[in-house]
């Protein structure tokens, strides 16, 4: 294997050139801190504290041996990092969709297979990472199935709506979700800090003439807004606004955050879009008018014809979706609709951890020739 190694003149870093032309630069302290044997083999937790690294680490020599990079340090210590570790990258990446074909063309995963087969579980969870949404079918047309689905990868995120909630028409509904009205595309619970990151919905009964559920990839459309209307994107990403919700007891939940949340490097990491819960403070008239221009422009973008995956969920169908990425809404229900969805919230971290475990198990099987 023709791997090129080049140590910087001051010994503070090392560049690796891979045979395919790609390369990576590694700092001396990174190499010490990530050396094989420095972490617990199961948890990955370090056995040494940060202050033990010091600030005088220098690389004197480097070589490839037994599928590992070995570096000799000025301290006299030698440390090694496996080449697999150096080339490892995230196994799943987002696949944005501005139109619904990726969702519509992907056959639903069997619910029974999802519960009992590792390959089906891995496929469903990976779709949530890639597309933000996975569809399952064949669940029982009765309550409690969402809890079984969450138990495969994590834990239910309990809220004031309970561990599990029912979405059906109720008299004097305090939340529009429990009425027969259409719902604009939105994310749930933007008034929480933090909001639930995953949502599951399971159809128990369907409306024969309405109530279709809509899903839109909000991240894909936010990226399009950044490209085509960068000033609008900047307004929505840099202006914190308040969201609020109160229940009959007088309890009130509030959170203040931008509609589009960015990581420090500019990556889009969360959306809070829910006009029902918007609770803007008064003042700064011109600035808020500019904010409304951007806000309504984004609303029109995500509600554009052809953007949504639309499905009248039938009994036994279930969806798992990223509540910070995927916007969901609903067509109006017919009078006296029997529609009954049961839902719950969960979080990304459990899904990601289970997917990592599942992918590691299949990689091990391949490496062992099984």
Protein backbone atom coordinates (compact mmCIF):
# COMPACT_ATOMS: atom_id res chain seq x y z
CA UNK A 1 0.00 0.00 0.00
CA UNK A 2 1.61 3.23 -1.17
CA UNK A 3 0.89 5.63 1.71
CA UNK A 4 2.91 8.84 1.85
CA UNK A 5 3.98 10.28 5.22
CA UNK A 6 5.31 13.82 5.63
CA UNK A 7 6.29 15.27 9.02
CA UNK A 8 6.11 19.05 9.40
CA UNK A 9 9.40 20.84 10.05
CA UNK A 10 8.38 21.76 13.59
CA UNK A 11 7.14 18.22 14.31
CA UNK A 12 3.75 19.49 15.38
CA UNK A 13 1.85 17.66 12.64
CA UNK A 14 1.99 14.84 10.12
CA UNK A 15 0.36 14.59 6.72
CA UNK A 16 -0.82 11.24 5.32
CA UNK A 17 -1.31 10.86 1.58
CA UNK A 18 -3.59 7.93 0.70
CA UNK A 19 -3.15 5.87 -2.50
CA UNK A 20 -6.38 7.31 -3.95
CA UNK A 21 -4.97 10.84 -3.77
CA UNK A 22 -6.91 11.89 -0.68
CA UNK A 23 -5.03 13.07 2.37
CA UNK A 24 -5.36 14.10 5.99
CA UNK A 25 -3.24 16.20 8.33
CA UNK A 26 -2.92 15.04 11.94
CA UNK A 27 -1.64 17.03 14.89
CA UNK A 28 0.86 15.52 17.33
CA UNK A 29 -1.49 15.85 20.29
CA UNK A 30 -4.37 14.38 18.31
CA UNK A 31 -2.23 11.32 17.59
CA UNK A 32 -1.33 10.92 21.26
CA UNK A 33 -4.90 11.50 22.39
CA UNK A 34 -6.35 9.01 19.88
CA UNK A 35 -3.67 6.36 20.02
CA UNK A 36 -4.77 2.73 20.11
CA UNK A 37 -4.90 1.44 23.65
CA UNK A 38 -5.61 4.85 25.20
CA UNK A 39 -9.36 4.19 25.36
CA UNK A 40 -11.58 1.57 26.89
CA UNK A 41 -12.21 -0.97 24.11
CA UNK A 42 -15.98 -1.03 24.74
CA UNK A 43 -17.03 2.46 25.85
CA UNK A 44 -14.31 4.41 24.03
CA UNK A 45 -13.74 6.48 27.16
CA UNK A 46 -10.19 7.76 27.74
CA UNK A 47 -8.19 6.63 30.72
CA UNK A 48 -6.14 9.83 30.91
CA UNK A 49 -7.17 13.42 31.50
CA UNK A 50 -6.67 16.32 29.12
CA UNK A 51 -3.98 18.00 31.24
CA UNK A 52 -1.71 14.98 30.77
CA UNK A 53 -1.32 15.89 27.10
CA UNK A 54 0.87 18.91 27.80
CA UNK A 55 1.81 21.28 25.00
CA UNK A 56 5.26 20.17 23.85
CA UNK A 57 4.47 17.06 21.80
CA UNK A 58 6.69 16.66 18.72
CA UNK A 59 6.80 13.95 16.05
CA UNK A 60 10.29 12.71 15.17
CA UNK A 61 9.51 9.66 13.01
CA UNK A 62 6.57 7.86 11.43
CA UNK A 63 6.00 4.56 9.62
CA UNK A 64 3.22 2.18 8.61
CA UNK A 65 3.36 -1.22 10.27
CA UNK A 66 0.71 -3.96 10.70
CA UNK A 67 -2.12 -1.79 9.33
CA UNK A 68 -1.33 1.02 11.76
CA UNK A 69 0.45 4.37 11.74
CA UNK A 70 3.25 4.37 14.30
CA UNK A 71 4.81 7.69 15.34
CA UNK A 72 7.91 8.25 17.43
CA UNK A 73 7.71 11.26 19.72
CA UNK A 74 10.39 13.56 21.12
CA UNK A 75 9.41 12.29 24.58
CA UNK A 76 10.68 8.85 23.58
CA UNK A 77 7.18 7.44 23.48
CA UNK A 78 5.79 5.59 20.45
CA UNK A 79 2.07 5.61 19.78
CA UNK A 80 0.00 4.03 17.04
CA UNK A 81 -3.37 4.60 15.41
CA UNK A 82 -4.99 1.98 13.19
CA UNK A 83 -5.43 2.90 9.53
CA UNK A 84 -9.07 1.88 9.83
CA UNK A 85 -9.53 4.55 12.51
CA UNK A 86 -7.84 7.15 10.32
CA UNK A 87 -10.01 6.41 7.31
CA UNK A 88 -13.26 5.77 9.16
CA UNK A 89 -16.05 8.12 8.20
CA UNK A 90 -19.70 8.42 9.14
CA UNK A 91 -21.51 5.42 7.71
CA UNK A 92 -24.69 7.34 7.00
CA UNK A 93 -25.09 10.81 5.55
CA UNK A 94 -28.16 12.87 4.82
CA UNK A 95 -29.74 12.60 1.40
CA UNK A 96 -31.88 15.73 0.95
CA UNK A 97 -35.06 15.61 -1.13
CA UNK A 98 -36.88 18.59 -2.56
CA UNK A 99 -39.53 16.36 -4.14
CA UNK A 100 -41.00 13.17 -2.63
CA UNK A 101 -39.68 10.50 -5.01
CA UNK A 102 -37.07 9.05 -2.58
CA UNK A 103 -39.80 8.45 0.00
CA UNK A 104 -42.48 7.29 -2.42
CA UNK A 105 -40.17 4.87 -4.23
CA UNK A 106 -38.84 3.21 -1.07
CA UNK A 107 -41.03 0.23 -0.17
CA UNK A 108 -42.13 0.28 3.48
CA UNK A 109 -40.22 -1.97 5.86
CA UNK A 110 -42.27 -4.80 7.34
CA UNK A 111 -43.10 -4.02 10.96
CA UNK A 112 -42.62 -7.64 12.02
CA UNK A 113 -39.26 -7.78 10.27
CA UNK A 114 -38.29 -4.48 11.91
CA UNK A 115 -39.06 -6.02 15.31
CA UNK A 116 -37.18 -9.28 14.79
CA UNK A 117 -34.67 -8.98 11.95
CA UNK A 118 -31.42 -7.01 12.23
CA UNK A 119 -31.23 -6.20 8.52
CA UNK A 120 -34.76 -4.74 8.49
CA UNK A 121 -34.04 -2.73 11.64
CA UNK A 122 -30.85 -1.35 10.13
CA UNK A 123 -32.63 -0.41 6.90
CA UNK A 124 -35.42 1.46 8.70
CA UNK A 125 -33.09 3.36 11.02
CA UNK A 126 -30.71 4.26 8.21
CA UNK A 127 -33.63 5.75 6.24
CA UNK A 128 -34.38 8.06 9.15
CA UNK A 129 -30.77 9.28 9.01
CA UNK A 130 -30.62 9.54 5.21
CA UNK A 131 -34.09 10.78 4.32
CA UNK A 132 -35.36 11.94 7.72
CA UNK A 133 -38.26 9.48 7.51
CA UNK A 134 -38.90 5.73 7.40
CA UNK A 135 -42.20 3.96 6.69
CA UNK A 136 -43.24 0.68 8.28
CA UNK A 137 -46.30 -1.41 7.51
CA UNK A 138 -48.03 -4.44 8.93
CA UNK A 139 -48.31 -3.28 12.54
CA UNK A 140 -51.42 -4.32 14.43
CA UNK A 141 -54.33 -1.89 14.04
CA UNK A 142 -54.47 -1.30 17.77
CA UNK A 143 -52.80 0.82 20.46
CA UNK A 144 -49.32 0.34 21.86
CA UNK A 145 -47.39 -0.43 18.66
CA UNK A 146 -45.34 2.79 18.76
CA UNK A 147 -43.92 1.76 22.14
CA UNK A 148 -42.76 -1.55 20.63
CA UNK A 149 -41.17 0.35 17.74
CA UNK A 150 -39.24 2.73 20.01
CA UNK A 151 -38.05 -0.12 22.23
CA UNK A 152 -36.04 -1.44 19.27
CA UNK A 153 -33.70 1.56 19.35
CA UNK A 154 -34.19 3.72 22.43
CA UNK A 155 -36.64 5.22 24.88
CA UNK A 156 -39.87 7.17 24.68
CA UNK A 157 -39.51 10.89 25.37
CA UNK A 158 -42.40 11.64 27.73
CA UNK A 159 -44.02 15.09 27.57
CA UNK A 160 -47.14 16.75 28.99
CA UNK A 161 -49.02 14.79 26.29
CA UNK A 162 -47.96 11.57 28.05
CA UNK A 163 -45.71 8.71 26.98
CA UNK A 164 -48.10 7.97 24.12
CA UNK A 165 -50.70 10.34 22.68
CA UNK A 166 -53.78 9.84 20.52
CA UNK A 167 -54.48 12.11 17.55
CA UNK A 168 -58.22 12.06 16.96
CA UNK A 169 -61.07 14.55 16.90
CA UNK A 170 -62.12 15.69 20.37
CA UNK A 171 -64.78 18.16 21.48
CA UNK A 172 -63.44 21.65 22.29
CA UNK A 173 -59.94 20.66 21.21
CA UNK A 174 -57.27 22.74 22.96
CA UNK A 175 -54.78 21.78 20.23
CA UNK A 176 -55.61 22.02 16.53
CA UNK A 177 -54.11 18.56 16.04
CA UNK A 178 -57.21 17.18 17.81
CA UNK A 179 -59.64 19.02 15.54
CA UNK A 180 -60.84 18.27 12.00
CA UNK A 181 -58.94 21.23 10.52
CA UNK A 182 -56.04 21.12 8.09
CA UNK A 183 -52.61 21.65 9.62
CA UNK A 184 -49.85 23.66 7.99
CA UNK A 185 -46.48 22.01 7.73
CA UNK A 186 -44.69 22.27 11.05
CA UNK A 187 -42.31 20.73 13.55
CA UNK A 188 -43.72 19.62 16.90
CA UNK A 189 -43.03 21.19 20.28
CA UNK A 190 -40.76 24.11 19.30
CA UNK A 191 -41.68 25.59 22.70
CA UNK A 192 -39.60 22.92 24.49
CA UNK A 193 -35.91 23.20 25.28
CA UNK A 194 -34.84 20.92 23.73
CA UNK A 195 -37.67 19.75 21.46
CA UNK A 196 -38.13 16.01 20.87
CA UNK A 197 -35.90 15.00 17.99
CA UNK A 198 -37.93 12.04 16.70
CA UNK A 199 -41.64 11.39 16.31
CA UNK A 200 -43.56 8.19 15.55
CA UNK A 201 -47.12 8.04 14.22
CA UNK A 202 -49.13 4.82 13.82
CA UNK A 203 -52.47 4.65 12.01
CA UNK A 204 -55.17 2.71 13.88
CA UNK A 205 -58.16 4.01 11.92
CA UNK A 206 -58.26 6.03 8.68
CA UNK A 207 -60.55 8.73 7.35
CA UNK A 208 -62.02 7.40 4.07
CA UNK A 209 -62.30 10.88 2.61
CA UNK A 210 -59.57 13.10 4.03
CA UNK A 211 -56.87 13.57 6.62
CA UNK A 212 -53.92 12.80 4.37
CA UNK A 213 -50.58 13.34 6.12
CA UNK A 214 -47.93 15.50 4.42
CA UNK A 215 -44.16 15.31 4.88
CA UNK A 216 -41.54 17.74 3.55
CA UNK A 217 -37.75 17.71 3.95
CA UNK A 218 -37.27 21.03 5.73
CA UNK A 219 -33.48 20.80 5.63
CA UNK A 220 -33.49 20.45 1.84
CA UNK A 221 -35.69 23.53 1.46
CA UNK A 222 -33.67 25.52 4.00
CA UNK A 223 -30.57 24.73 1.95
CA UNK A 224 -32.41 25.90 -1.18
CA UNK A 225 -33.36 29.11 0.62
CA UNK A 226 -29.71 29.64 1.59
CA UNK A 227 -28.72 29.22 -2.06
CA UNK A 228 -31.49 31.28 -3.70
CA UNK A 229 -32.33 33.88 -1.03
CA UNK A 230 -29.29 34.12 1.27
CA UNK A 231 -30.48 37.27 3.01
CA UNK A 232 -33.79 35.62 3.96
CA UNK A 233 -31.91 32.55 5.19
CA UNK A 234 -29.63 34.74 7.29
CA UNK A 235 -32.60 36.53 8.89
CA UNK A 236 -34.24 33.23 9.88
CA UNK A 237 -30.98 31.73 11.11
CA UNK A 238 -29.84 34.74 13.19
CA UNK A 239 -33.08 36.05 14.68
CA UNK A 240 -34.26 34.26 17.84
CA UNK A 241 -38.04 34.18 18.22
CA UNK A 242 -40.28 32.85 20.98
CA UNK A 243 -42.58 29.83 20.83
CA UNK A 244 -45.09 29.07 23.59
CA UNK A 245 -47.84 26.64 24.60
CA UNK A 246 -50.08 26.57 27.68
CA UNK A 247 -52.41 23.84 28.88
CA UNK A 248 -55.61 24.03 30.91
CA UNK A 249 -53.72 23.74 34.21
CA UNK A 250 -51.94 27.01 33.56
CA UNK A 251 -48.57 25.39 32.86
CA UNK A 252 -46.77 27.23 30.07
CA UNK A 253 -43.81 26.05 28.03
CA UNK A 254 -41.65 28.59 26.21
CA UNK A 255 -38.42 28.52 24.25
CA UNK A 256 -36.56 31.14 22.27
CA UNK A 257 -34.58 30.10 19.20
CA UNK A 258 -34.23 30.88 15.47
CA UNK A 259 -36.47 29.15 12.94
CA UNK A 260 -33.30 27.72 11.34
CA UNK A 261 -30.65 26.58 13.81
CA UNK A 262 -27.05 26.30 12.65
CA UNK A 263 -24.02 24.58 14.12
CA UNK A 264 -20.87 26.62 14.63
CA UNK A 265 -19.61 25.54 11.19
CA UNK A 266 -22.83 26.65 9.47
CA UNK A 267 -24.44 23.22 9.13
CA UNK A 268 -28.25 23.23 9.38
CA UNK A 269 -29.04 21.17 12.48
CA UNK A 270 -32.65 21.98 13.45
CA UNK A 271 -35.82 23.72 12.34
CA UNK A 272 -38.49 25.23 14.56
CA UNK A 273 -41.43 26.01 12.30
CA UNK A 274 -44.86 26.05 13.91
CA UNK A 275 -47.06 29.07 13.39
CA UNK A 276 -49.63 27.89 15.93
CA UNK A 277 -47.01 28.21 18.68
CA UNK A 278 -45.30 31.41 17.53
CA UNK A 279 -45.34 34.03 20.33
CA UNK A 280 -43.40 37.05 19.13
CA UNK A 281 -42.54 39.85 21.52
CA UNK A 282 -43.64 43.37 20.56
CA UNK A 283 -41.22 45.99 19.31
CA UNK A 284 -38.64 46.58 16.59
CA UNK A 285 -41.33 46.94 13.94
CA UNK A 286 -39.12 47.26 10.88
CA UNK A 287 -36.88 44.38 11.92
CA UNK A 288 -39.87 42.12 12.53
CA UNK A 289 -41.44 43.08 9.23
CA UNK A 290 -38.21 42.00 7.56
CA UNK A 291 -38.34 38.78 9.58
CA UNK A 292 -41.93 38.16 8.39
CA UNK A 293 -40.82 38.62 4.78
CA UNK A 294 -38.26 35.84 5.20
CA UNK A 295 -40.57 33.68 7.32
CA UNK A 296 -43.47 33.76 4.86
CA UNK A 297 -41.07 33.20 1.96
CA UNK A 298 -39.85 30.01 3.62
CA UNK A 299 -43.46 28.95 4.35
CA UNK A 300 -44.37 29.37 0.69
CA UNK A 301 -41.29 27.40 -0.34
CA UNK A 302 -42.08 24.34 1.78
CA UNK A 303 -45.79 24.47 0.84
CA UNK A 304 -45.05 24.67 -2.91
CA UNK A 305 -46.90 22.12 -5.10
CA UNK A 306 -44.92 18.92 -5.53
CA UNK A 307 -42.73 19.36 -2.43
CA UNK A 308 -44.60 17.02 -0.08
CA UNK A 309 -44.88 13.27 0.24
CA UNK A 310 -48.61 12.82 0.82
CA UNK A 311 -50.15 9.67 2.23
CA UNK A 312 -53.49 8.76 3.80
CA UNK A 313 -52.01 6.46 6.43
CA UNK A 314 -53.90 3.19 6.54
CA UNK A 315 -54.43 1.00 9.63
CA UNK A 316 -51.16 -0.72 10.50
CA UNK A 317 -48.92 1.84 8.79
CA UNK A 318 -46.33 3.69 10.86
CA UNK A 319 -43.79 6.44 10.26
CA UNK A 320 -40.62 7.32 12.18
CA UNK A 321 -39.33 10.78 11.35
CA UNK A 322 -36.85 13.40 12.44
CA UNK A 323 -38.88 16.11 14.14
CA UNK A 324 -36.13 18.72 13.70
CA UNK A 325 -35.78 18.09 9.96
CA UNK A 326 -39.07 16.80 8.55
CA UNK A 327 -42.06 19.14 8.46
CA UNK A 328 -45.41 17.40 8.69
CA UNK A 329 -48.98 18.55 8.17
CA UNK A 330 -52.47 17.31 7.38
CA UNK A 331 -55.33 17.75 4.96
CA UNK A 332 -58.70 18.55 6.58
CA UNK A 333 -60.74 15.68 7.97
CA UNK A 334 -64.30 14.88 6.96
CA UNK A 335 -67.17 15.39 9.36
CA UNK A 336 -67.33 12.74 12.04
CA UNK A 337 -63.97 11.34 10.92
CA UNK A 338 -62.95 8.05 12.57
CA UNK A 339 -59.26 8.82 11.97
CA UNK A 340 -57.08 7.71 14.88
CA UNK A 341 -53.32 8.02 14.94
CA UNK A 342 -51.29 7.06 17.97
CA UNK A 343 -47.92 8.71 18.44
CA UNK A 344 -44.98 9.27 20.73
CA UNK A 345 -41.68 11.08 20.80
CA UNK A 346 -38.17 9.69 21.04
CA UNK A 347 -34.65 10.99 20.45
CA UNK A 348 -31.99 10.72 17.78
CA UNK A 349 -29.20 9.60 20.09
CA UNK A 350 -30.73 6.20 20.81
CA UNK A 351 -31.47 5.63 17.14
CA UNK A 352 -27.94 6.60 16.15
CA UNK A 353 -26.37 4.40 18.83
CA UNK A 354 -28.45 1.39 17.78
CA UNK A 355 -27.68 1.96 14.12
CA UNK A 356 -23.96 2.17 14.90
CA UNK A 357 -24.15 -1.10 16.84
CA UNK A 358 -26.07 -2.78 14.03
CA UNK A 359 -23.65 -1.59 11.36
CA UNK A 360 -20.64 -2.65 13.44
CA UNK A 361 -22.13 -6.13 13.79
CA UNK A 362 -22.58 -6.54 10.04
CA UNK A 363 -19.06 -5.17 9.41
CA UNK A 364 -17.68 -7.76 11.81
CA UNK A 365 -19.55 -10.53 10.04
CA UNK A 366 -18.10 -9.44 6.70
CA UNK A 367 -14.59 -9.20 8.14
CA UNK A 368 -14.89 -12.72 9.56
CA UNK A 369 -16.13 -14.07 6.25
CA UNK A 370 -19.58 -14.94 7.57
